Amino acid sequence: MSAFAYIGAALAEIAGCFAFWAWLRMDKSQWWLVPGVLSLALFAYLLTLVDAEHAGRTYAAYGGVYIVAAVAWLWVVEGATPDRWDMTGAAVCLVGAAIILFGPRPL
């Protein structure tokens, strides 16, 4: 469940931020803000579904998932092929997120 919440949150956050980007940087209509705000609210809600004891740890691990999703957005939505540095950086961040999530904790 947590993986789906993280992936959904990343897509919702990127879509919401992109709506603002489109409005401010691509001269799109202000109506782009409506789905953007709704998408950002969905992002916040989805992060609450992650099964973790502490919000800070959830947000820290989410950062790695967000970076991978942002590189995928770059490729799929914006049509820019990620280079080896994009892919390497995203992989390093995902490993860091896994360490945060799955590292042994004292009972």
N, C-alpha and C. Protein backbone atom coordinates (compact mmCIF):
# COMPACT_ATOMS: atom_id res chain seq x y z
N MET A 1 0.82 -1.20 0.00
CA MET A 1 0.00 0.00 0.00
C MET A 1 0.87 1.26 0.00
N SER A 2 1.95 1.23 0.77
CA SER A 2 2.82 2.41 0.85
C SER A 2 3.43 2.76 -0.50
N ALA A 3 3.82 1.76 -1.26
CA ALA A 3 4.42 2.04 -2.58
C ALA A 3 3.42 2.75 -3.48
N PHE A 4 2.16 2.30 -3.46
CA PHE A 4 1.14 2.96 -4.28
C PHE A 4 0.87 4.37 -3.80
N ALA A 5 0.88 4.56 -2.47
CA ALA A 5 0.66 5.90 -1.92
C ALA A 5 1.81 6.83 -2.33
N TYR A 6 3.04 6.34 -2.25
CA TYR A 6 4.19 7.16 -2.65
C TYR A 6 4.14 7.51 -4.14
N ILE A 7 3.86 6.54 -4.97
CA ILE A 7 3.82 6.79 -6.42
C ILE A 7 2.67 7.73 -6.77
N GLY A 8 1.52 7.48 -6.19
CA GLY A 8 0.38 8.37 -6.44
C GLY A 8 0.64 9.78 -5.96
N ALA A 9 1.26 9.90 -4.77
CA ALA A 9 1.59 11.22 -4.24
C ALA A 9 2.57 11.94 -5.15
N ALA A 10 3.56 11.24 -5.64
CA ALA A 10 4.54 11.86 -6.53
C ALA A 10 3.89 12.36 -7.82
N LEU A 11 3.05 11.54 -8.40
CA LEU A 11 2.38 11.97 -9.64
C LEU A 11 1.44 13.15 -9.38
N ALA A 12 0.73 13.10 -8.26
CA ALA A 12 -0.18 14.20 -7.93
C ALA A 12 0.59 15.49 -7.67
N GLU A 13 1.71 15.40 -6.96
CA GLU A 13 2.50 16.61 -6.68
C GLU A 13 3.09 17.19 -7.96
N ILE A 14 3.65 16.34 -8.79
CA ILE A 14 4.26 16.83 -10.03
C ILE A 14 3.19 17.44 -10.94
N ALA A 15 2.04 16.78 -11.05
CA ALA A 15 0.97 17.32 -11.89
C ALA A 15 0.49 18.66 -11.35
N GLY A 16 0.34 18.77 -10.04
CA GLY A 16 -0.09 20.04 -9.44
C GLY A 16 0.92 21.14 -9.67
N CYS A 17 2.18 20.84 -9.46
CA CYS A 17 3.22 21.85 -9.68
C CYS A 17 3.32 22.20 -11.16
N PHE A 18 3.15 21.21 -12.03
CA PHE A 18 3.21 21.48 -13.46
C PHE A 18 2.09 22.42 -13.89
N ALA A 19 0.92 22.29 -13.26
CA ALA A 19 -0.19 23.18 -13.59
C ALA A 19 0.19 24.63 -13.30
N PHE A 20 0.85 24.87 -12.18
CA PHE A 20 1.31 26.21 -11.86
C PHE A 20 2.39 26.66 -12.84
N TRP A 21 3.30 25.75 -13.17
CA TRP A 21 4.36 26.04 -14.14
C TRP A 21 3.74 26.45 -15.48
N ALA A 22 2.74 25.67 -15.91
CA ALA A 22 2.09 25.97 -17.19
C ALA A 22 1.44 27.34 -17.16
N TRP A 23 0.79 27.67 -16.07
CA TRP A 23 0.13 28.97 -15.94
C TRP A 23 1.14 30.12 -15.96
N LEU A 24 2.20 29.99 -15.18
CA LEU A 24 3.16 31.08 -15.02
C LEU A 24 4.24 31.13 -16.11
N ARG A 25 4.66 29.98 -16.61
CA ARG A 25 5.80 29.95 -17.51
C ARG A 25 5.43 29.64 -18.95
N MET A 26 4.23 29.08 -19.17
CA MET A 26 3.83 28.69 -20.51
C MET A 26 2.61 29.48 -20.98
N ASP A 27 2.26 30.51 -20.23
CA ASP A 27 1.13 31.39 -20.57
C ASP A 27 -0.19 30.63 -20.76
N LYS A 28 -0.42 29.61 -19.94
CA LYS A 28 -1.70 28.90 -19.98
C LYS A 28 -2.72 29.67 -19.16
N SER A 29 -3.98 29.33 -19.34
CA SER A 29 -5.08 29.98 -18.64
C SER A 29 -4.96 29.80 -17.12
N GLN A 30 -5.52 30.75 -16.39
CA GLN A 30 -5.53 30.64 -14.93
C GLN A 30 -6.37 29.45 -14.47
N TRP A 31 -7.20 28.90 -15.34
CA TRP A 31 -8.00 27.73 -15.01
C TRP A 31 -7.15 26.49 -14.77
N TRP A 32 -5.91 26.53 -15.20
CA TRP A 32 -4.98 25.44 -14.91
C TRP A 32 -4.75 25.31 -13.40
N LEU A 33 -5.00 26.39 -12.67
CA LEU A 33 -4.78 26.37 -11.22
C LEU A 33 -5.79 25.48 -10.49
N VAL A 34 -6.98 25.35 -11.04
CA VAL A 34 -8.01 24.54 -10.36
C VAL A 34 -7.56 23.08 -10.25
N PRO A 35 -7.25 22.39 -11.34
CA PRO A 35 -6.77 21.02 -11.17
C PRO A 35 -5.42 20.97 -10.45
N GLY A 36 -4.63 22.03 -10.58
CA GLY A 36 -3.34 22.07 -9.88
C GLY A 36 -3.52 22.03 -8.37
N VAL A 37 -4.43 22.85 -7.86
CA VAL A 37 -4.68 22.88 -6.41
C VAL A 37 -5.30 21.56 -5.94
N LEU A 38 -6.23 21.02 -6.71
CA LEU A 38 -6.84 19.74 -6.36
C LEU A 38 -5.80 18.62 -6.34
N SER A 39 -4.91 18.66 -7.30
CA SER A 39 -3.86 17.65 -7.38
C SER A 39 -2.91 17.75 -6.18
N LEU A 40 -2.59 18.97 -5.78
CA LEU A 40 -1.70 19.14 -4.62
C LEU A 40 -2.39 18.71 -3.33
N ALA A 41 -3.70 18.90 -3.22
CA ALA A 41 -4.44 18.42 -2.05
C ALA A 41 -4.44 16.88 -2.03
N LEU A 42 -4.61 16.27 -3.20
CA LEU A 42 -4.55 14.81 -3.30
C LEU A 42 -3.18 14.30 -2.89
N PHE A 43 -2.13 14.98 -3.33
CA PHE A 43 -0.76 14.63 -2.94
C PHE A 43 -0.61 14.58 -1.42
N ALA A 44 -1.08 15.62 -0.73
CA ALA A 44 -0.96 15.67 0.73
C ALA A 44 -1.74 14.54 1.38
N TYR A 45 -2.93 14.28 0.89
CA TYR A 45 -3.75 13.19 1.44
C TYR A 45 -3.06 11.84 1.25
N LEU A 46 -2.54 11.58 0.06
CA LEU A 46 -1.92 10.28 -0.22
C LEU A 46 -0.73 10.01 0.69
N LEU A 47 0.02 11.03 1.06
CA LEU A 47 1.15 10.80 1.96
C LEU A 47 0.69 10.37 3.34
N THR A 48 -0.54 10.73 3.73
CA THR A 48 -1.03 10.28 5.04
C THR A 48 -1.36 8.79 5.05
N LEU A 49 -1.45 8.18 3.88
CA LEU A 49 -1.77 6.75 3.80
C LEU A 49 -0.55 5.86 3.99
N VAL A 50 0.64 6.43 3.98
CA VAL A 50 1.86 5.65 4.14
C VAL A 50 1.94 5.14 5.57
N ASP A 51 2.22 3.85 5.71
CA ASP A 51 2.31 3.22 7.02
C ASP A 51 3.69 3.48 7.63
N ALA A 52 3.79 4.51 8.44
CA ALA A 52 5.05 4.86 9.11
C ALA A 52 4.73 5.52 10.43
N GLU A 53 5.64 5.38 11.37
CA GLU A 53 5.43 5.96 12.70
C GLU A 53 5.58 7.47 12.71
N HIS A 54 6.46 8.00 11.87
CA HIS A 54 6.79 9.41 11.94
C HIS A 54 6.62 10.07 10.57
N ALA A 55 6.00 11.23 10.57
CA ALA A 55 5.78 11.96 9.33
C ALA A 55 7.10 12.34 8.66
N GLY A 56 8.07 12.77 9.44
CA GLY A 56 9.35 13.19 8.87
C GLY A 56 10.05 12.09 8.10
N ARG A 57 9.97 10.87 8.63
CA ARG A 57 10.59 9.75 7.92
C ARG A 57 9.83 9.45 6.64
N THR A 58 8.52 9.55 6.70
CA THR A 58 7.70 9.35 5.51
C THR A 58 8.07 10.36 4.43
N TYR A 59 8.19 11.63 4.81
CA TYR A 59 8.51 12.69 3.85
C TYR A 59 9.92 12.53 3.30
N ALA A 60 10.85 12.13 4.14
CA ALA A 60 12.24 11.95 3.69
C ALA A 60 12.32 10.84 2.66
N ALA A 61 11.68 9.71 2.94
CA ALA A 61 11.71 8.60 1.99
C ALA A 61 10.97 8.97 0.71
N TYR A 62 9.90 9.73 0.84
CA TYR A 62 9.14 10.16 -0.33
C TYR A 62 10.00 10.98 -1.29
N GLY A 63 10.95 11.71 -0.77
CA GLY A 63 11.82 12.53 -1.61
C GLY A 63 12.49 11.72 -2.71
N GLY A 64 12.95 10.53 -2.39
CA GLY A 64 13.57 9.68 -3.41
C GLY A 64 12.58 9.23 -4.47
N VAL A 65 11.38 8.88 -4.04
CA VAL A 65 10.35 8.46 -4.99
C VAL A 65 9.97 9.65 -5.88
N TYR A 66 9.86 10.83 -5.29
CA TYR A 66 9.52 12.03 -6.05
C TYR A 66 10.55 12.30 -7.15
N ILE A 67 11.81 12.16 -6.83
CA ILE A 67 12.87 12.42 -7.81
C ILE A 67 12.77 11.45 -8.99
N VAL A 68 12.54 10.18 -8.70
CA VAL A 68 12.38 9.20 -9.78
C VAL A 68 11.16 9.55 -10.63
N ALA A 69 10.06 9.92 -9.98
CA ALA A 69 8.85 10.30 -10.71
C ALA A 69 9.07 11.55 -11.55
N ALA A 70 9.85 12.49 -11.03
CA ALA A 70 10.12 13.72 -11.78
C ALA A 70 10.95 13.42 -13.04
N VAL A 71 11.90 12.51 -12.93
CA VAL A 71 12.68 12.13 -14.11
C VAL A 71 11.78 11.41 -15.12
N ALA A 72 10.87 10.57 -14.63
CA ALA A 72 9.92 9.91 -15.53
C ALA A 72 9.01 10.94 -16.19
N TRP A 73 8.56 11.95 -15.45
CA TRP A 73 7.72 13.03 -16.01
C TRP A 73 8.48 13.76 -17.11
N LEU A 74 9.76 14.05 -16.84
CA LEU A 74 10.61 14.71 -17.83
C LEU A 74 10.57 13.95 -19.15
N TRP A 75 10.64 12.63 -19.06
CA TRP A 75 10.70 11.78 -20.23
C TRP A 75 9.33 11.60 -20.89
N VAL A 76 8.33 11.21 -20.10
CA VAL A 76 7.03 10.85 -20.65
C VAL A 76 6.20 12.06 -21.05
N VAL A 77 6.13 13.07 -20.17
CA VAL A 77 5.25 14.21 -20.42
C VAL A 77 5.95 15.31 -21.23
N GLU A 78 7.19 15.60 -20.86
CA GLU A 78 7.90 16.70 -21.52
C GLU A 78 8.69 16.26 -22.74
N GLY A 79 8.86 14.97 -22.93
CA GLY A 79 9.52 14.46 -24.11
C GLY A 79 11.03 14.65 -24.14
N ALA A 80 11.64 14.93 -23.00
CA ALA A 80 13.09 15.08 -22.92
C ALA A 80 13.69 13.79 -22.36
N THR A 81 14.55 13.17 -23.11
CA THR A 81 15.15 11.91 -22.68
C THR A 81 16.14 12.16 -21.54
N PRO A 82 15.95 11.48 -20.41
CA PRO A 82 16.90 11.63 -19.31
C PRO A 82 18.28 11.12 -19.72
N ASP A 83 19.32 11.81 -19.26
CA ASP A 83 20.66 11.35 -19.57
C ASP A 83 21.17 10.45 -18.44
N ARG A 84 22.39 9.98 -18.57
CA ARG A 84 22.91 9.04 -17.57
C ARG A 84 23.01 9.68 -16.19
N TRP A 85 23.21 10.99 -16.14
CA TRP A 85 23.31 11.67 -14.84
C TRP A 85 21.94 11.78 -14.17
N ASP A 86 20.90 12.00 -14.97
CA ASP A 86 19.55 11.98 -14.44
C ASP A 86 19.24 10.60 -13.85
N MET A 87 19.54 9.57 -14.61
CA MET A 87 19.22 8.20 -14.19
C MET A 87 20.05 7.78 -12.98
N THR A 88 21.34 8.12 -12.99
CA THR A 88 22.20 7.78 -11.86
C THR A 88 21.75 8.50 -10.60
N GLY A 89 21.48 9.78 -10.72
CA GLY A 89 21.02 10.55 -9.56
C GLY A 89 19.72 10.03 -9.01
N ALA A 90 18.78 9.68 -9.89
CA ALA A 90 17.49 9.13 -9.44
C ALA A 90 17.69 7.80 -8.74
N ALA A 91 18.57 6.96 -9.27
CA ALA A 91 18.83 5.66 -8.64
C ALA A 91 19.44 5.83 -7.26
N VAL A 92 20.39 6.75 -7.12
CA VAL A 92 21.01 7.01 -5.82
C VAL A 92 19.95 7.48 -4.82
N CYS A 93 19.06 8.36 -5.26
CA CYS A 93 18.00 8.86 -4.37
C CYS A 93 17.05 7.75 -3.96
N LEU A 94 16.73 6.85 -4.88
CA LEU A 94 15.84 5.74 -4.56
C LEU A 94 16.49 4.79 -3.56
N VAL A 95 17.79 4.57 -3.70
CA VAL A 95 18.50 3.75 -2.72
C VAL A 95 18.46 4.44 -1.36
N GLY A 96 18.66 5.74 -1.34
CA GLY A 96 18.58 6.49 -0.07
C GLY A 96 17.20 6.38 0.56
N ALA A 97 16.16 6.46 -0.24
CA ALA A 97 14.79 6.32 0.28
C ALA A 97 14.59 4.93 0.88
N ALA A 98 15.11 3.91 0.21
CA ALA A 98 14.99 2.54 0.73
C ALA A 98 15.72 2.38 2.06
N ILE A 99 16.88 3.00 2.18
CA ILE A 99 17.62 2.94 3.44
C ILE A 99 16.81 3.58 4.56
N ILE A 100 16.20 4.72 4.27
CA ILE A 100 15.39 5.41 5.28
C ILE A 100 14.19 4.54 5.67
N LEU A 101 13.53 3.96 4.69
CA LEU A 101 12.32 3.17 4.98
C LEU A 101 12.61 1.83 5.64
N PHE A 102 13.62 1.14 5.15
CA PHE A 102 13.81 -0.24 5.55
C PHE A 102 15.00 -0.49 6.47
N GLY A 103 15.71 0.58 6.86
CA GLY A 103 16.84 0.42 7.76
C GLY A 103 16.39 -0.12 9.11
N PRO A 104 17.22 -0.95 9.74
CA PRO A 104 16.82 -1.52 11.04
C PRO A 104 16.69 -0.41 12.09
N ARG A 105 15.66 -0.51 12.89
CA ARG A 105 15.41 0.47 13.95
C ARG A 105 15.38 -0.28 15.28
N PRO A 106 15.91 0.35 16.33
CA PRO A 106 15.81 -0.30 17.65
C PRO A 106 14.34 -0.35 18.10
N LEU A 107 14.00 -1.40 18.78
CA LEU A 107 12.61 -1.55 19.27
C LEU A 107 12.39 -0.70 20.43
